[in-house]
Amino acid sequence: MKPISNKWLFAISVVFGVALVLAASSYDHWTRRPEVTTSKLTTDISVAEQIQLEDIPQLKARGFAAIIDLRPDGEAAGQPAAQAVESAAHENHMGFTYVPVPHGDIPDAAVTALSRAILTSPHPILLYCRSGRRAVRTWSLAEASRPDGLDTDAIHAAVRASGQSAEDLNAAITQRIALRTGKNGDTP
């Protein structure tokens, strides 16, 4: 039997090496978490559905400086606790605030807490809850309460652009906007 020449050994090594690189690349592609889908509400506030701990480095790499969690702990299996998300955010040099909002009516205390968190957190900010709905709806009330916040149409446009709806909050949004301006349109 004739020994294999160095030329053939080299060719086999190259083919094997290329196959190994392609296999590793394919494995990485199929096992990597998909990018978190976010929707902008304003230039520096976005919203997403439930995030996982593995998503936080990706969110940091995308430029987010803070995360605000509006989902109450223990709502569903597989949901990371706020404390775990806070730890992961801090490990990635990001701000974190926990503002749990229950299903149903949005408590005024949650709107106030979100407003405070938005004011004191580094920007840009990512808000999240299970589906993004409560986060967007709570944000719409906080934005309507902000002295220099968006008007009703702009708030609803931002909510719609995120794929959500807050039409049922129209009276509350309008009322909050009215409270931030005087009869002559002056801010109090």
C-alpha atoms as a PDB file:
ATOM      1  CA  MET A   1       0.000   0.000   0.000  1.00  0.00           C
ATOM      2  CA  LYS A   2       1.330   3.384  -1.014  1.00  0.00           C
ATOM      3  CA  PRO A   3       1.501   6.099   1.711  1.00  0.00           C
ATOM      4  CA  ILE A   4      -0.663   9.249   1.345  1.00  0.00           C
ATOM      5  CA  SER A   5       1.324  12.170  -0.003  1.00  0.00           C
ATOM      6  CA  ASN A   6       1.717  15.402   1.946  1.00  0.00           C
ATOM      7  CA  LYS A   7      -0.262  17.183  -0.751  1.00  0.00           C
ATOM      8  CA  TRP A   8      -3.262  14.907  -0.142  1.00  0.00           C
ATOM      9  CA  LEU A   9      -2.945  15.216   3.643  1.00  0.00           C
ATOM     10  CA  PHE A  10      -2.955  18.992   3.276  1.00  0.00           C
ATOM     11  CA  ALA A  11      -6.050  18.920   1.009  1.00  0.00           C
ATOM     12  CA  ILE A  12      -7.909  16.597   3.396  1.00  0.00           C
ATOM     13  CA  SER A  13      -6.970  18.857   6.338  1.00  0.00           C
ATOM     14  CA  VAL A  14      -8.251  21.940   4.526  1.00  0.00           C
ATOM     15  CA  VAL A  15     -11.545  20.258   3.585  1.00  0.00           C
ATOM     16  CA  PHE A  16     -11.972  18.952   7.139  1.00  0.00           C
ATOM     17  CA  GLY A  17     -11.145  22.417   8.583  1.00  0.00           C
ATOM     18  CA  VAL A  18     -13.646  24.158   6.326  1.00  0.00           C
ATOM     19  CA  ALA A  19     -16.308  21.587   7.228  1.00  0.00           C
ATOM     20  CA  LEU A  20     -15.609  22.128  10.932  1.00  0.00           C
ATOM     21  CA  VAL A  21     -15.870  25.933  10.614  1.00  0.00           C
ATOM     22  CA  LEU A  22     -19.142  25.644   8.662  1.00  0.00           C
ATOM     23  CA  ALA A  23     -20.572  23.224  11.226  1.00  0.00           C
ATOM     24  CA  ALA A  24     -19.642  25.522  14.121  1.00  0.00           C
ATOM     25  CA  SER A  25     -21.095  28.535  12.326  1.00  0.00           C
ATOM     26  CA  SER A  26     -24.311  26.676  11.569  1.00  0.00           C
ATOM     27  CA  TYR A  27     -24.599  25.511  15.192  1.00  0.00           C
ATOM     28  CA  ASP A  28     -24.145  29.087  16.419  1.00  0.00           C
ATOM     29  CA  HIS A  29     -26.778  30.336  13.962  1.00  0.00           C
ATOM     30  CA  TRP A  30     -29.392  27.797  15.065  1.00  0.00           C
ATOM     31  CA  THR A  31     -28.711  28.024  18.807  1.00  0.00           C
ATOM     32  CA  ARG A  32     -28.349  31.817  19.117  1.00  0.00           C
ATOM     33  CA  ARG A  33     -31.325  33.642  20.639  1.00  0.00           C
ATOM     34  CA  PRO A  34     -33.085  35.826  18.118  1.00  0.00           C
ATOM     35  CA  GLU A  35     -32.697  39.561  18.560  1.00  0.00           C
ATOM     36  CA  VAL A  36     -35.245  41.104  20.932  1.00  0.00           C
ATOM     37  CA  THR A  37     -37.896  42.952  18.926  1.00  0.00           C
ATOM     38  CA  THR A  38     -38.316  46.486  20.191  1.00  0.00           C
ATOM     39  CA  SER A  39     -40.603  49.329  19.151  1.00  0.00           C
ATOM     40  CA  LYS A  40     -39.764  52.989  19.681  1.00  0.00           C
ATOM     41  CA  LEU A  41     -42.287  55.091  21.567  1.00  0.00           C
ATOM     42  CA  THR A  42     -40.045  58.169  21.536  1.00  0.00           C
ATOM     43  CA  THR A  43     -36.483  58.770  20.398  1.00  0.00           C
ATOM     44  CA  ASP A  44     -35.148  57.385  23.677  1.00  0.00           C
ATOM     45  CA  ILE A  45     -37.893  55.094  25.016  1.00  0.00           C
ATOM     46  CA  SER A  46     -38.686  51.702  23.468  1.00  0.00           C
ATOM     47  CA  VAL A  47     -40.866  48.773  24.455  1.00  0.00           C
ATOM     48  CA  ALA A  48     -40.552  44.999  24.152  1.00  0.00           C
ATOM     49  CA  GLU A  49     -42.252  41.802  25.174  1.00  0.00           C
ATOM     50  CA  GLN A  50     -40.821  39.695  28.006  1.00  0.00           C
ATOM     51  CA  ILE A  51     -37.029  39.603  27.928  1.00  0.00           C
ATOM     52  CA  GLN A  52     -34.776  36.861  29.243  1.00  0.00           C
ATOM     53  CA  LEU A  53     -31.518  37.194  31.142  1.00  0.00           C
ATOM     54  CA  GLU A  54     -29.567  36.114  28.025  1.00  0.00           C
ATOM     55  CA  ASP A  55     -31.031  39.107  26.146  1.00  0.00           C
ATOM     56  CA  ILE A  56     -29.495  41.753  28.370  1.00  0.00           C
ATOM     57  CA  PRO A  57     -25.966  41.798  26.859  1.00  0.00           C
ATOM     58  CA  GLN A  58     -27.593  42.112  23.413  1.00  0.00           C
ATOM     59  CA  LEU A  59     -29.746  45.012  24.628  1.00  0.00           C
ATOM     60  CA  LYS A  60     -26.666  46.735  26.056  1.00  0.00           C
ATOM     61  CA  ALA A  61     -24.844  46.212  22.743  1.00  0.00           C
ATOM     62  CA  ARG A  62     -27.799  47.797  20.947  1.00  0.00           C
ATOM     63  CA  GLY A  63     -27.336  50.923  23.062  1.00  0.00           C
ATOM     64  CA  PHE A  64     -29.944  50.642  25.795  1.00  0.00           C
ATOM     65  CA  ALA A  65     -28.752  52.229  29.042  1.00  0.00           C
ATOM     66  CA  ALA A  66     -31.641  51.192  31.301  1.00  0.00           C
ATOM     67  CA  ILE A  67     -34.412  48.618  31.619  1.00  0.00           C
ATOM     68  CA  ILE A  68     -37.762  49.189  33.312  1.00  0.00           C
ATOM     69  CA  ASP A  69     -39.650  45.995  34.190  1.00  0.00           C
ATOM     70  CA  LEU A  70     -43.425  46.492  34.389  1.00  0.00           C
ATOM     71  CA  ARG A  71     -44.285  42.797  34.811  1.00  0.00           C
ATOM     72  CA  PRO A  72     -45.152  41.551  38.298  1.00  0.00           C
ATOM     73  CA  ASP A  73     -42.951  38.677  39.505  1.00  0.00           C
ATOM     74  CA  GLY A  74     -44.426  35.182  39.446  1.00  0.00           C
ATOM     75  CA  GLU A  75     -46.972  35.934  36.749  1.00  0.00           C
ATOM     76  CA  ALA A  76     -45.922  32.937  34.628  1.00  0.00           C
ATOM     77  CA  ALA A  77     -43.444  30.076  34.544  1.00  0.00           C
ATOM     78  CA  GLY A  78     -40.182  30.800  32.751  1.00  0.00           C
ATOM     79  CA  GLN A  79     -40.288  34.488  33.589  1.00  0.00           C
ATOM     80  CA  PRO A  80     -37.089  35.703  35.251  1.00  0.00           C
ATOM     81  CA  ALA A  81     -37.623  37.455  38.577  1.00  0.00           C
ATOM     82  CA  ALA A  82     -37.087  41.214  38.646  1.00  0.00           C
ATOM     83  CA  GLN A  83     -34.150  40.760  41.018  1.00  0.00           C
ATOM     84  CA  ALA A  84     -32.397  38.465  38.506  1.00  0.00           C
ATOM     85  CA  VAL A  85     -33.012  40.956  35.663  1.00  0.00           C
ATOM     86  CA  GLU A  86     -31.707  43.750  37.889  1.00  0.00           C
ATOM     87  CA  SER A  87     -28.517  41.780  38.630  1.00  0.00           C
ATOM     88  CA  ALA A  88     -27.963  41.031  34.940  1.00  0.00           C
ATOM     89  CA  ALA A  89     -28.607  44.669  34.034  1.00  0.00           C
ATOM     90  CA  HIS A  90     -26.089  45.871  36.613  1.00  0.00           C
ATOM     91  CA  GLU A  91     -23.532  43.285  35.417  1.00  0.00           C
ATOM     92  CA  ASN A  92     -23.913  44.908  31.991  1.00  0.00           C
ATOM     93  CA  HIS A  93     -23.599  48.431  33.441  1.00  0.00           C
ATOM     94  CA  MET A  94     -27.257  49.264  32.825  1.00  0.00           C
ATOM     95  CA  GLY A  95     -29.839  50.938  35.027  1.00  0.00           C
ATOM     96  CA  PHE A  96     -32.847  48.950  36.208  1.00  0.00           C
ATOM     97  CA  THR A  97     -36.183  49.851  37.798  1.00  0.00           C
ATOM     98  CA  TYR A  98     -39.022  47.541  38.809  1.00  0.00           C
ATOM     99  CA  VAL A  99     -42.519  49.032  38.397  1.00  0.00           C
ATOM    100  CA  PRO A 100     -44.948  46.078  38.584  1.00  0.00           C
ATOM    101  CA  VAL A 101     -48.291  46.793  36.904  1.00  0.00           C
ATOM    102  CA  PRO A 102     -51.117  44.288  37.470  1.00  0.00           C
ATOM    103  CA  HIS A 103     -53.570  43.185  34.784  1.00  0.00           C
ATOM    104  CA  GLY A 104     -56.655  45.382  34.454  1.00  0.00           C
ATOM    105  CA  ASP A 105     -56.767  49.019  35.466  1.00  0.00           C
ATOM    106  CA  ILE A 106     -53.434  50.773  35.683  1.00  0.00           C
ATOM    107  CA  PRO A 107     -52.942  52.156  39.189  1.00  0.00           C
ATOM    108  CA  ASP A 108     -52.009  55.845  39.497  1.00  0.00           C
ATOM    109  CA  ALA A 109     -49.096  54.774  41.722  1.00  0.00           C
ATOM    110  CA  ALA A 110     -47.656  52.755  38.803  1.00  0.00           C
ATOM    111  CA  VAL A 111     -47.973  55.744  36.447  1.00  0.00           C
ATOM    112  CA  THR A 112     -46.216  57.956  39.002  1.00  0.00           C
ATOM    113  CA  ALA A 113     -43.486  55.342  39.585  1.00  0.00           C
ATOM    114  CA  LEU A 114     -42.909  54.937  35.828  1.00  0.00           C
ATOM    115  CA  SER A 115     -42.745  58.722  35.363  1.00  0.00           C
ATOM    116  CA  ARG A 116     -40.138  58.943  38.127  1.00  0.00           C
ATOM    117  CA  ALA A 117     -38.161  56.014  36.690  1.00  0.00           C
ATOM    118  CA  ILE A 118     -38.102  57.584  33.226  1.00  0.00           C
ATOM    119  CA  LEU A 119     -36.871  60.885  34.684  1.00  0.00           C
ATOM    120  CA  THR A 120     -34.118  59.314  36.789  1.00  0.00           C
ATOM    121  CA  SER A 121     -32.910  56.494  34.529  1.00  0.00           C
ATOM    122  CA  PRO A 122     -30.145  56.836  31.970  1.00  0.00           C
ATOM    123  CA  HIS A 123     -31.443  56.945  28.402  1.00  0.00           C
ATOM    124  CA  PRO A 124     -32.241  55.229  26.082  1.00  0.00           C
ATOM    125  CA  ILE A 125     -34.663  53.095  28.080  1.00  0.00           C
ATOM    126  CA  LEU A 126     -36.346  49.772  27.322  1.00  0.00           C
ATOM    127  CA  LEU A 127     -39.735  49.148  28.954  1.00  0.00           C
ATOM    128  CA  TYR A 128     -41.054  45.596  29.018  1.00  0.00           C
ATOM    129  CA  CYS A 129     -43.829  43.332  30.286  1.00  0.00           C
ATOM    130  CA  ARG A 130     -45.222  40.008  29.036  1.00  0.00           C
ATOM    131  CA  SER A 131     -46.600  41.299  25.729  1.00  0.00           C
ATOM    132  CA  GLY A 132     -45.586  44.960  25.848  1.00  0.00           C
ATOM    133  CA  ARG A 133     -49.231  45.995  26.266  1.00  0.00           C
ATOM    134  CA  ARG A 134     -49.158  47.084  29.922  1.00  0.00           C
ATOM    135  CA  ALA A 135     -45.814  48.796  29.405  1.00  0.00           C
ATOM    136  CA  VAL A 136     -47.150  50.836  26.476  1.00  0.00           C
ATOM    137  CA  ARG A 137     -50.420  51.664  28.204  1.00  0.00           C
ATOM    138  CA  THR A 138     -48.693  52.736  31.423  1.00  0.00           C
ATOM    139  CA  TRP A 139     -46.229  54.804  29.393  1.00  0.00           C
ATOM    140  CA  SER A 140     -49.131  56.525  27.563  1.00  0.00           C
ATOM    141  CA  LEU A 141     -50.577  57.715  30.884  1.00  0.00           C
ATOM    142  CA  ALA A 142     -47.156  58.779  32.172  1.00  0.00           C
ATOM    143  CA  GLU A 143     -46.463  60.664  28.930  1.00  0.00           C
ATOM    144  CA  ALA A 144     -49.854  62.391  29.119  1.00  0.00           C
ATOM    145  CA  SER A 145     -48.992  63.491  32.674  1.00  0.00           C
ATOM    146  CA  ARG A 146     -45.577  64.891  31.764  1.00  0.00           C
ATOM    147  CA  PRO A 147     -45.633  68.724  31.661  1.00  0.00           C
ATOM    148  CA  ASP A 148     -43.925  68.845  28.253  1.00  0.00           C
ATOM    149  CA  GLY A 149     -45.242  65.491  27.062  1.00  0.00           C
ATOM    150  CA  LEU A 150     -46.672  64.557  23.699  1.00  0.00           C
ATOM    151  CA  ASP A 151     -50.239  65.508  22.752  1.00  0.00           C
ATOM    152  CA  THR A 152     -53.078  62.987  22.531  1.00  0.00           C
ATOM    153  CA  ASP A 153     -52.641  62.258  18.815  1.00  0.00           C
ATOM    154  CA  ALA A 154     -48.871  61.777  19.136  1.00  0.00           C
ATOM    155  CA  ILE A 155     -49.313  59.448  22.125  1.00  0.00           C
ATOM    156  CA  HIS A 156     -51.840  57.319  20.237  1.00  0.00           C
ATOM    157  CA  ALA A 157     -49.614  57.290  17.135  1.00  0.00           C
ATOM    158  CA  ALA A 158     -46.665  56.014  19.215  1.00  0.00           C
ATOM    159  CA  VAL A 159     -48.870  53.364  20.829  1.00  0.00           C
ATOM    160  CA  ARG A 160     -50.191  52.205  17.424  1.00  0.00           C
ATOM    161  CA  ALA A 161     -46.667  52.149  15.965  1.00  0.00           C
ATOM    162  CA  SER A 162     -45.699  49.716  18.735  1.00  0.00           C
ATOM    163  CA  GLY A 163     -48.502  47.372  17.641  1.00  0.00           C
ATOM    164  CA  GLN A 164     -50.611  48.093  20.713  1.00  0.00           C
ATOM    165  CA  SER A 165     -53.786  50.054  21.459  1.00  0.00           C
ATOM    166  CA  ALA A 166     -54.765  52.552  24.138  1.00  0.00           C
ATOM    167  CA  GLU A 167     -57.965  53.896  22.619  1.00  0.00           C
ATOM    168  CA  ASP A 168     -59.864  52.877  25.755  1.00  0.00           C
ATOM    169  CA  LEU A 169     -57.540  55.184  27.742  1.00  0.00           C
ATOM    170  CA  ASN A 170     -58.396  58.204  25.592  1.00  0.00           C
ATOM    171  CA  ALA A 171     -60.468  59.911  28.330  1.00  0.00           C
ATOM    172  CA  ALA A 172     -57.714  59.378  30.917  1.00  0.00           C
ATOM    173  CA  ILE A 173     -55.029  60.590  28.496  1.00  0.00           C
ATOM    174  CA  THR A 174     -57.078  63.686  27.597  1.00  0.00           C
ATOM    175  CA  GLN A 175     -57.776  64.414  31.267  1.00  0.00           C
ATOM    176  CA  ARG A 176     -54.090  64.126  32.214  1.00  0.00           C
ATOM    177  CA  ILE A 177     -53.110  66.434  29.356  1.00  0.00           C
ATOM    178  CA  ALA A 178     -55.773  68.965  30.429  1.00  0.00           C
ATOM    179  CA  LEU A 179     -54.380  68.941  33.960  1.00  0.00           C
ATOM    180  CA  ARG A 180     -50.904  69.885  32.723  1.00  0.00           C
ATOM    181  CA  THR A 181     -52.152  73.035  30.967  1.00  0.00           C
ATOM    182  CA  GLY A 182     -54.129  75.985  32.258  1.00  0.00           C
ATOM    183  CA  LYS A 183     -57.220  77.434  30.569  1.00  0.00           C
ATOM    184  CA  ASN A 184     -55.001  79.635  28.375  1.00  0.00           C
ATOM    185  CA  GLY A 185     -52.788  76.715  27.415  1.00  0.00           C
ATOM    186  CA  ASP A 186     -50.169  77.750  29.994  1.00  0.00           C
ATOM    187  CA  THR A 187     -48.521  75.102  32.103  1.00  0.00           C
ATOM    188  CA  PRO A 188     -49.391  75.454  35.780  1.00  0.00           C
END
